[in-house]
Amino acid sequence: MKVWSNSFADGQPMPTRYAFCKIDQKTRVAMADNVNPHLAWSDLPAGTQSLAVICHDPDVPSKGDDVNQEGRTVPADLPRVDFFHWLLIELKPTLEEIEEGAFSSGITPRGKGGPVAALDARQGINDYTNWFAQDRDMNGEYFGYDGPCPPWNDELVHRYVFTVYALDVPTLPLEGAFTGADLRDAIARHTLAQASITGTYTLNPDLAPTEIGVGE
């Protein structure tokens, strides 16, 4: 099984177009276009009845004490945890790709609706749901794709892993606002094959490559 993207190369930086936030010279961070990237796959195993997609960031700080604090940095050696950016299930096995912008194009305060989604699929809630829980302007259930917004003072460039799973069932026993942990549990016994592509992203100007640098 193979997975690739026309939006970014495996192991390379993701353009700001696919991010939730971008570097801003005056405010450090500004909202970005938040467009879901293109994904394509091939060589599905025999018996595939549906596809699922998970995008997660395995590099989120396990402690938030230093996150986005002036005069401080998030050390690169701090233990890291997962943050889920996209949970997509019940894609038909005849599908060969997801077009750029098919599931997200812009930021929706309080989150995009769900679980019903494009292409007759369903989506779970991403971890911005918890991140914005105490924010009066942004709190809500964030279904579907919302892109990168790592701490602007993190010494570590974050990775964004897009994994496509070929499943031996057409549907999964998940309802409503299911989470990344729920989805991983549900597919554990039904995965015939999987393949991933990884993009990188940072909001730290000292680490950012030119294409996602200050002012873009």
C-alpha atoms as a PDB file:
ATOM      1  CA  MET A   1       0.000   0.000   0.000  1.00  0.00           C
ATOM      2  CA  LYS A   2       1.302   3.463  -0.891  1.00  0.00           C
ATOM      3  CA  VAL A   3       0.279   6.982   0.148  1.00  0.00           C
ATOM      4  CA  TRP A   4       1.432  10.298  -1.312  1.00  0.00           C
ATOM      5  CA  SER A   5       0.384  13.928  -1.589  1.00  0.00           C
ATOM      6  CA  ASN A   6       0.589  16.598  -4.256  1.00  0.00           C
ATOM      7  CA  SER A   7       0.510  19.184  -1.456  1.00  0.00           C
ATOM      8  CA  PHE A   8       3.844  18.357   0.201  1.00  0.00           C
ATOM      9  CA  ALA A   9       6.635  15.798  -0.051  1.00  0.00           C
ATOM     10  CA  ASP A  10       7.149  13.111   2.561  1.00  0.00           C
ATOM     11  CA  GLY A  11       9.364  14.383   5.370  1.00  0.00           C
ATOM     12  CA  GLN A  12       9.315  17.953   4.050  1.00  0.00           C
ATOM     13  CA  PRO A  13       7.691  21.193   5.335  1.00  0.00           C
ATOM     14  CA  MET A  14       3.977  21.729   4.817  1.00  0.00           C
ATOM     15  CA  PRO A  15       3.105  25.105   3.232  1.00  0.00           C
ATOM     16  CA  THR A  16       1.104  27.524   5.405  1.00  0.00           C
ATOM     17  CA  ARG A  17      -1.941  26.931   3.187  1.00  0.00           C
ATOM     18  CA  TYR A  18      -2.551  23.674   5.069  1.00  0.00           C
ATOM     19  CA  ALA A  19      -2.032  25.113   8.554  1.00  0.00           C
ATOM     20  CA  PHE A  20      -4.386  26.535  11.160  1.00  0.00           C
ATOM     21  CA  CYS A  21      -1.844  29.226  12.073  1.00  0.00           C
ATOM     22  CA  LYS A  22       1.074  30.983  10.405  1.00  0.00           C
ATOM     23  CA  ILE A  23       3.945  33.179  11.542  1.00  0.00           C
ATOM     24  CA  ASP A  24       3.142  36.889  11.833  1.00  0.00           C
ATOM     25  CA  GLN A  25       5.793  39.549  12.319  1.00  0.00           C
ATOM     26  CA  LYS A  26       3.712  41.724  14.643  1.00  0.00           C
ATOM     27  CA  THR A  27       1.552  39.280  16.570  1.00  0.00           C
ATOM     28  CA  ARG A  28       3.798  36.183  16.343  1.00  0.00           C
ATOM     29  CA  VAL A  29       0.874  34.086  15.081  1.00  0.00           C
ATOM     30  CA  ALA A  30      -2.049  34.699  12.734  1.00  0.00           C
ATOM     31  CA  MET A  31      -4.787  32.504  11.321  1.00  0.00           C
ATOM     32  CA  ALA A  32      -3.901  30.637   8.115  1.00  0.00           C
ATOM     33  CA  ASP A  33      -5.967  29.120   5.278  1.00  0.00           C
ATOM     34  CA  ASN A  34      -6.569  25.781   7.019  1.00  0.00           C
ATOM     35  CA  VAL A  35      -7.066  23.825   3.797  1.00  0.00           C
ATOM     36  CA  ASN A  36      -6.881  20.042   3.982  1.00  0.00           C
ATOM     37  CA  PRO A  37      -4.029  18.747   1.804  1.00  0.00           C
ATOM     38  CA  HIS A  38      -4.361  16.386  -1.131  1.00  0.00           C
ATOM     39  CA  LEU A  39      -3.910  12.704  -0.308  1.00  0.00           C
ATOM     40  CA  ALA A  40      -3.777   9.742  -2.689  1.00  0.00           C
ATOM     41  CA  TRP A  41      -3.158   6.022  -2.297  1.00  0.00           C
ATOM     42  CA  SER A  42      -2.769   2.808  -4.270  1.00  0.00           C
ATOM     43  CA  ASP A  43      -2.211  -0.949  -3.912  1.00  0.00           C
ATOM     44  CA  LEU A  44      -5.021  -1.600  -1.448  1.00  0.00           C
ATOM     45  CA  PRO A  45      -5.063  -5.204  -0.205  1.00  0.00           C
ATOM     46  CA  ALA A  46      -7.721  -7.660  -1.291  1.00  0.00           C
ATOM     47  CA  GLY A  47     -10.733  -7.581   0.997  1.00  0.00           C
ATOM     48  CA  THR A  48     -10.613  -3.830   1.680  1.00  0.00           C
ATOM     49  CA  GLN A  49     -14.158  -2.680   2.468  1.00  0.00           C
ATOM     50  CA  SER A  50     -13.505   0.882   3.637  1.00  0.00           C
ATOM     51  CA  LEU A  51     -10.727   3.372   4.319  1.00  0.00           C
ATOM     52  CA  ALA A  52      -9.943   5.542   7.310  1.00  0.00           C
ATOM     53  CA  VAL A  53      -7.586   8.512   7.668  1.00  0.00           C
ATOM     54  CA  ILE A  54      -5.877   9.775  10.794  1.00  0.00           C
ATOM     55  CA  CYS A  55      -3.671  12.857  10.952  1.00  0.00           C
ATOM     56  CA  HIS A  56      -1.842  13.353  14.212  1.00  0.00           C
ATOM     57  CA  ASP A  57       1.038  15.380  15.608  1.00  0.00           C
ATOM     58  CA  PRO A  58       3.205  13.196  17.899  1.00  0.00           C
ATOM     59  CA  ASP A  59       5.287  16.169  19.046  1.00  0.00           C
ATOM     60  CA  VAL A  60       2.896  18.159  21.259  1.00  0.00           C
ATOM     61  CA  PRO A  61       4.415  19.230  24.618  1.00  0.00           C
ATOM     62  CA  SER A  62       3.293  17.003  27.482  1.00  0.00           C
ATOM     63  CA  LYS A  63       3.331  20.060  29.783  1.00  0.00           C
ATOM     64  CA  GLY A  64       2.010  23.487  28.860  1.00  0.00           C
ATOM     65  CA  ASP A  65       3.945  25.580  31.397  1.00  0.00           C
ATOM     66  CA  ASP A  66       6.213  27.213  28.791  1.00  0.00           C
ATOM     67  CA  VAL A  67       3.915  27.088  25.762  1.00  0.00           C
ATOM     68  CA  ASN A  68       3.685  30.454  23.964  1.00  0.00           C
ATOM     69  CA  GLN A  69       5.213  32.310  26.900  1.00  0.00           C
ATOM     70  CA  GLU A  70       7.368  35.369  26.240  1.00  0.00           C
ATOM     71  CA  GLY A  71      10.981  34.953  27.305  1.00  0.00           C
ATOM     72  CA  ARG A  72      10.671  31.173  27.560  1.00  0.00           C
ATOM     73  CA  THR A  73      11.007  28.225  25.216  1.00  0.00           C
ATOM     74  CA  VAL A  74       9.580  24.735  25.072  1.00  0.00           C
ATOM     75  CA  PRO A  75      12.691  22.524  25.310  1.00  0.00           C
ATOM     76  CA  ALA A  76      13.169  19.981  22.549  1.00  0.00           C
ATOM     77  CA  ASP A  77      13.788  17.186  25.066  1.00  0.00           C
ATOM     78  CA  LEU A  78      10.432  17.652  26.818  1.00  0.00           C
ATOM     79  CA  PRO A  79       8.327  14.453  26.610  1.00  0.00           C
ATOM     80  CA  ARG A  80       5.737  14.683  23.829  1.00  0.00           C
ATOM     81  CA  VAL A  81       2.168  13.424  23.320  1.00  0.00           C
ATOM     82  CA  ASP A  82      -0.229  12.950  20.409  1.00  0.00           C
ATOM     83  CA  PHE A  83      -2.604  15.640  19.132  1.00  0.00           C
ATOM     84  CA  PHE A  84      -5.210  14.513  16.596  1.00  0.00           C
ATOM     85  CA  HIS A  85      -5.901  16.849  13.671  1.00  0.00           C
ATOM     86  CA  TRP A  86      -8.184  14.708  11.487  1.00  0.00           C
ATOM     87  CA  LEU A  87     -10.278  11.566  11.950  1.00  0.00           C
ATOM     88  CA  LEU A  88     -12.026  10.350   8.813  1.00  0.00           C
ATOM     89  CA  ILE A  89     -13.826   7.019   8.359  1.00  0.00           C
ATOM     90  CA  GLU A  90     -15.991   5.056   5.918  1.00  0.00           C
ATOM     91  CA  LEU A  91     -14.333   6.235   2.724  1.00  0.00           C
ATOM     92  CA  LYS A  92     -15.276   3.869  -0.082  1.00  0.00           C
ATOM     93  CA  PRO A  93     -12.521   1.461  -1.224  1.00  0.00           C
ATOM     94  CA  THR A  94     -13.067   2.576  -4.835  1.00  0.00           C
ATOM     95  CA  LEU A  95     -11.860   6.074  -3.904  1.00  0.00           C
ATOM     96  CA  GLU A  96      -8.277   6.810  -4.944  1.00  0.00           C
ATOM     97  CA  GLU A  97      -7.664  10.285  -3.543  1.00  0.00           C
ATOM     98  CA  ILE A  98      -8.918  13.191  -1.455  1.00  0.00           C
ATOM     99  CA  GLU A  99      -8.763  16.512  -3.216  1.00  0.00           C
ATOM    100  CA  GLU A 100      -7.191  19.540  -1.596  1.00  0.00           C
ATOM    101  CA  GLY A 101      -9.885  21.536   0.200  1.00  0.00           C
ATOM    102  CA  ALA A 102     -12.542  18.822  -0.043  1.00  0.00           C
ATOM    103  CA  PHE A 103     -12.999  18.659   3.734  1.00  0.00           C
ATOM    104  CA  SER A 104     -11.662  21.988   4.986  1.00  0.00           C
ATOM    105  CA  SER A 105     -11.077  25.434   3.521  1.00  0.00           C
ATOM    106  CA  GLY A 106     -10.792  28.082   6.206  1.00  0.00           C
ATOM    107  CA  ILE A 107     -11.201  28.268   9.965  1.00  0.00           C
ATOM    108  CA  THR A 108     -14.637  27.875  11.513  1.00  0.00           C
ATOM    109  CA  PRO A 109     -14.864  29.383  15.016  1.00  0.00           C
ATOM    110  CA  ARG A 110     -16.402  26.823  17.397  1.00  0.00           C
ATOM    111  CA  GLY A 111     -15.607  24.112  14.884  1.00  0.00           C
ATOM    112  CA  LYS A 112     -16.956  22.604  11.707  1.00  0.00           C
ATOM    113  CA  GLY A 113     -20.015  20.385  11.992  1.00  0.00           C
ATOM    114  CA  GLY A 114     -20.145  16.611  11.886  1.00  0.00           C
ATOM    115  CA  PRO A 115     -19.947  13.689  11.977  1.00  0.00           C
ATOM    116  CA  VAL A 116     -21.488  13.537   8.460  1.00  0.00           C
ATOM    117  CA  ALA A 117     -18.904  14.660   5.902  1.00  0.00           C
ATOM    118  CA  ALA A 118     -18.154  14.854   2.193  1.00  0.00           C
ATOM    119  CA  LEU A 119     -17.870  11.702   0.037  1.00  0.00           C
ATOM    120  CA  ASP A 120     -20.452   9.943   2.235  1.00  0.00           C
ATOM    121  CA  ALA A 121     -17.836   9.629   4.960  1.00  0.00           C
ATOM    122  CA  ARG A 122     -17.925  10.450   8.664  1.00  0.00           C
ATOM    123  CA  GLN A 123     -15.486  12.457  10.791  1.00  0.00           C
ATOM    124  CA  GLY A 124     -14.634  12.531  14.466  1.00  0.00           C
ATOM    125  CA  ILE A 125     -13.619  15.486  16.594  1.00  0.00           C
ATOM    126  CA  ASN A 126     -10.026  16.675  16.560  1.00  0.00           C
ATOM    127  CA  ASP A 127      -8.115  17.844  19.618  1.00  0.00           C
ATOM    128  CA  TYR A 128      -8.817  21.531  19.066  1.00  0.00           C
ATOM    129  CA  THR A 129     -12.078  20.616  20.799  1.00  0.00           C
ATOM    130  CA  ASN A 130     -10.186  20.305  24.085  1.00  0.00           C
ATOM    131  CA  TRP A 131      -7.659  23.021  23.282  1.00  0.00           C
ATOM    132  CA  PHE A 132     -10.368  25.679  22.879  1.00  0.00           C
ATOM    133  CA  ALA A 133     -12.697  24.357  25.604  1.00  0.00           C
ATOM    134  CA  GLN A 134     -12.129  27.387  27.861  1.00  0.00           C
ATOM    135  CA  ASP A 135     -12.082  29.980  25.060  1.00  0.00           C
ATOM    136  CA  ARG A 136     -15.360  31.947  24.947  1.00  0.00           C
ATOM    137  CA  ASP A 137     -14.967  32.777  21.253  1.00  0.00           C
ATOM    138  CA  MET A 138     -13.660  29.452  19.967  1.00  0.00           C
ATOM    139  CA  ASN A 139     -15.045  26.667  22.166  1.00  0.00           C
ATOM    140  CA  GLY A 140     -17.084  23.938  20.464  1.00  0.00           C
ATOM    141  CA  GLU A 141     -16.820  20.546  18.775  1.00  0.00           C
ATOM    142  CA  TYR A 142     -14.168  20.585  16.055  1.00  0.00           C
ATOM    143  CA  PHE A 143     -15.095  17.890  13.565  1.00  0.00           C
ATOM    144  CA  GLY A 144     -12.877  17.081  10.608  1.00  0.00           C
ATOM    145  CA  TYR A 145      -9.575  18.612   9.574  1.00  0.00           C
ATOM    146  CA  ASP A 146      -7.897  21.532  11.325  1.00  0.00           C
ATOM    147  CA  GLY A 147      -4.243  22.004  10.523  1.00  0.00           C
ATOM    148  CA  PRO A 148      -0.997  22.723  12.371  1.00  0.00           C
ATOM    149  CA  CYS A 149      -0.606  25.382  15.036  1.00  0.00           C
ATOM    150  CA  PRO A 150       2.384  24.331  17.185  1.00  0.00           C
ATOM    151  CA  PRO A 151       3.749  26.611  19.946  1.00  0.00           C
ATOM    152  CA  TRP A 152       5.649  29.552  18.476  1.00  0.00           C
ATOM    153  CA  ASN A 153       8.411  29.106  21.058  1.00  0.00           C
ATOM    154  CA  ASP A 154       8.911  25.363  20.609  1.00  0.00           C
ATOM    155  CA  GLU A 155      12.503  24.300  19.968  1.00  0.00           C
ATOM    156  CA  LEU A 156      11.209  21.247  18.113  1.00  0.00           C
ATOM    157  CA  VAL A 157       9.820  21.210  14.573  1.00  0.00           C
ATOM    158  CA  HIS A 158       6.566  19.248  14.689  1.00  0.00           C
ATOM    159  CA  ARG A 159       5.644  16.294  12.482  1.00  0.00           C
ATOM    160  CA  TYR A 160       2.183  15.766  11.010  1.00  0.00           C
ATOM    161  CA  VAL A 161       1.564  12.130  10.144  1.00  0.00           C
ATOM    162  CA  PHE A 162      -1.229  11.342   7.668  1.00  0.00           C
ATOM    163  CA  THR A 163      -2.046   7.630   7.775  1.00  0.00           C
ATOM    164  CA  VAL A 164      -4.497   5.847   5.493  1.00  0.00           C
ATOM    165  CA  TYR A 165      -5.879   2.538   6.786  1.00  0.00           C
ATOM    166  CA  ALA A 166      -7.409  -0.211   4.632  1.00  0.00           C
ATOM    167  CA  LEU A 167     -10.096  -1.885   6.734  1.00  0.00           C
ATOM    168  CA  ASP A 168     -11.901  -5.209   6.431  1.00  0.00           C
ATOM    169  CA  VAL A 169     -15.271  -3.727   7.460  1.00  0.00           C
ATOM    170  CA  PRO A 170     -17.493  -1.182   5.667  1.00  0.00           C
ATOM    171  CA  THR A 171     -18.440   0.650   8.869  1.00  0.00           C
ATOM    172  CA  LEU A 172     -17.069   1.043  12.372  1.00  0.00           C
ATOM    173  CA  PRO A 173     -19.031   0.978  15.671  1.00  0.00           C
ATOM    174  CA  LEU A 174     -18.425   4.670  16.302  1.00  0.00           C
ATOM    175  CA  GLU A 175     -21.104   7.303  16.766  1.00  0.00           C
ATOM    176  CA  GLY A 176     -21.251  11.064  17.206  1.00  0.00           C
ATOM    177  CA  ALA A 177     -18.194  12.897  18.459  1.00  0.00           C
ATOM    178  CA  PHE A 178     -15.701  10.028  18.483  1.00  0.00           C
ATOM    179  CA  THR A 179     -12.072  10.785  19.376  1.00  0.00           C
ATOM    180  CA  GLY A 180      -8.672   9.715  18.132  1.00  0.00           C
ATOM    181  CA  ALA A 181      -8.381   7.148  20.912  1.00  0.00           C
ATOM    182  CA  ASP A 182     -11.828   5.797  20.009  1.00  0.00           C
ATOM    183  CA  LEU A 183     -10.836   5.409  16.362  1.00  0.00           C
ATOM    184  CA  ARG A 184      -7.520   3.730  17.092  1.00  0.00           C
ATOM    185  CA  ASP A 185      -9.294   1.213  19.302  1.00  0.00           C
ATOM    186  CA  ALA A 186     -11.964   0.566  16.658  1.00  0.00           C
ATOM    187  CA  ILE A 187      -9.533  -0.116  13.804  1.00  0.00           C
ATOM    188  CA  ALA A 188      -7.037  -2.179  15.814  1.00  0.00           C
ATOM    189  CA  ARG A 189      -8.604  -5.507  14.798  1.00  0.00           C
ATOM    190  CA  HIS A 190      -9.745  -4.461  11.318  1.00  0.00           C
ATOM    191  CA  THR A 191      -6.638  -3.027   9.634  1.00  0.00           C
ATOM    192  CA  LEU A 192      -5.478  -4.990   6.594  1.00  0.00           C
ATOM    193  CA  ALA A 193      -2.751  -2.494   5.668  1.00  0.00           C
ATOM    194  CA  GLN A 194      -1.712   1.078   6.331  1.00  0.00           C
ATOM    195  CA  ALA A 195       0.641   3.668   4.889  1.00  0.00           C
ATOM    196  CA  SER A 196       1.692   7.131   5.985  1.00  0.00           C
ATOM    197  CA  ILE A 197       3.126  10.387   4.742  1.00  0.00           C
ATOM    198  CA  THR A 198       4.631  12.969   7.108  1.00  0.00           C
ATOM    199  CA  GLY A 199       4.840  16.730   6.761  1.00  0.00           C
ATOM    200  CA  THR A 200       6.652  19.089   9.113  1.00  0.00           C
ATOM    201  CA  TYR A 201       5.661  22.522  10.411  1.00  0.00           C
ATOM    202  CA  THR A 202       6.853  25.151  12.883  1.00  0.00           C
ATOM    203  CA  LEU A 203       5.815  28.617  14.034  1.00  0.00           C
ATOM    204  CA  ASN A 204       9.243  29.309  15.502  1.00  0.00           C
ATOM    205  CA  PRO A 205      10.857  31.895  13.165  1.00  0.00           C
ATOM    206  CA  ASP A 206      14.316  30.576  14.045  1.00  0.00           C
ATOM    207  CA  LEU A 207      13.396  27.138  12.726  1.00  0.00           C
ATOM    208  CA  ALA A 208      11.002  27.965   9.884  1.00  0.00           C
ATOM    209  CA  PRO A 209      12.060  27.328   6.289  1.00  0.00           C
ATOM    210  CA  THR A 210      11.672  30.125   3.773  1.00  0.00           C
ATOM    211  CA  GLU A 211       8.342  28.896   2.371  1.00  0.00           C
ATOM    212  CA  ILE A 212       6.631  29.249   5.760  1.00  0.00           C
ATOM    213  CA  GLY A 213       8.742  32.088   7.064  1.00  0.00           C
ATOM    214  CA  VAL A 214       7.845  35.389   8.654  1.00  0.00           C
ATOM    215  CA  GLY A 215       5.275  37.456   6.803  1.00  0.00           C
ATOM    216  CA  GLU A 216       3.705  34.625   4.814  1.00  0.00           C
END
